């Protein structure tokens, strides 16, 4: 997830800098903040999915 966030942020930063003509410092900010937000969102979603799976497992164990 961290690598995916880093690569997506890098791509977004390069697009902002070279396609839209923004300064390089703005591309770097998009890269660092965008990549970290994507990685953080991915890690949170993985955590939430695993927590809901554990909750379902406990519920299934009680029902059985």
Protein backbone atom coordinates (compact mmCIF):
# COMPACT_ATOMS: atom_id res chain seq x y z
CA UNK A 1 0.00 0.00 0.00
CA UNK A 2 2.86 2.35 0.76
CA UNK A 3 4.50 1.68 -2.59
CA UNK A 4 1.18 2.17 -4.40
CA UNK A 5 0.63 5.50 -2.62
CA UNK A 6 4.18 6.63 -3.33
CA UNK A 7 3.95 5.77 -7.04
CA UNK A 8 0.50 7.34 -7.46
CA UNK A 9 1.65 10.50 -5.69
CA UNK A 10 4.76 10.63 -7.87
CA UNK A 11 2.67 10.29 -11.02
CA UNK A 12 0.28 13.01 -9.86
CA UNK A 13 3.19 15.32 -9.00
CA UNK A 14 4.79 14.80 -12.40
CA UNK A 15 1.49 15.44 -14.18
CA UNK A 16 0.94 18.64 -12.20
CA UNK A 17 4.47 19.85 -12.93
CA UNK A 18 4.95 18.88 -16.55
CA UNK A 19 1.45 18.71 -18.04
CA UNK A 20 -0.15 21.64 -16.26
CA UNK A 21 3.05 23.69 -15.98
CA UNK A 22 3.04 24.09 -12.20
CA UNK A 23 6.33 24.83 -10.44
CA UNK A 24 8.38 21.84 -9.35
CA UNK A 25 7.90 22.62 -5.65
CA UNK A 26 4.14 22.30 -6.15
CA UNK A 27 4.65 18.95 -7.89
CA UNK A 28 6.75 17.82 -4.94
CA UNK A 29 4.01 18.83 -2.49
CA UNK A 30 1.41 16.95 -4.54
CA UNK A 31 3.74 13.95 -4.62
CA UNK A 32 4.43 13.89 -0.89
CA UNK A 33 0.98 14.82 0.41
CA UNK A 34 -0.99 12.94 -2.23
CA UNK A 35 1.09 9.80 -1.87
CA UNK A 36 0.91 9.83 1.90
CA UNK A 37 -2.87 10.38 1.89
CA UNK A 38 -3.41 7.50 -0.55
CA UNK A 39 -1.16 5.22 1.50
CA UNK A 40 -2.88 6.24 4.73
CA UNK A 41 -6.33 5.67 3.24
CA UNK A 42 -5.25 2.24 2.04
CA UNK A 43 -3.85 1.24 5.42
CA UNK A 44 -6.99 2.46 7.20
CA UNK A 45 -9.22 0.54 4.80
CA UNK A 46 -7.17 -2.63 5.33
CA UNK A 47 -7.47 -2.16 9.10
CA UNK A 48 -11.23 -1.61 8.89
CA UNK A 49 -11.75 -4.62 6.64
CA UNK A 50 -9.77 -6.88 8.96
CA UNK A 51 -11.70 -5.58 11.98
CA UNK A 52 -15.05 -6.26 10.32
CA UNK A 53 -13.85 -9.75 9.33
CA UNK A 54 -12.88 -10.49 12.95
CA UNK A 55 -16.25 -9.21 14.13
CA UNK A 56 -18.04 -11.49 11.65
CA UNK A 57 -15.91 -14.43 12.78
CA UNK A 58 -16.79 -13.83 16.44
CA UNK A 59 -20.46 -13.53 15.55
CA UNK A 60 -20.36 -16.77 13.55
CA UNK A 61 -18.65 -18.55 16.45
CA UNK A 62 -21.38 -17.41 18.86
CA UNK A 63 -24.20 -18.41 16.52
CA UNK A 64 -22.85 -21.92 15.87
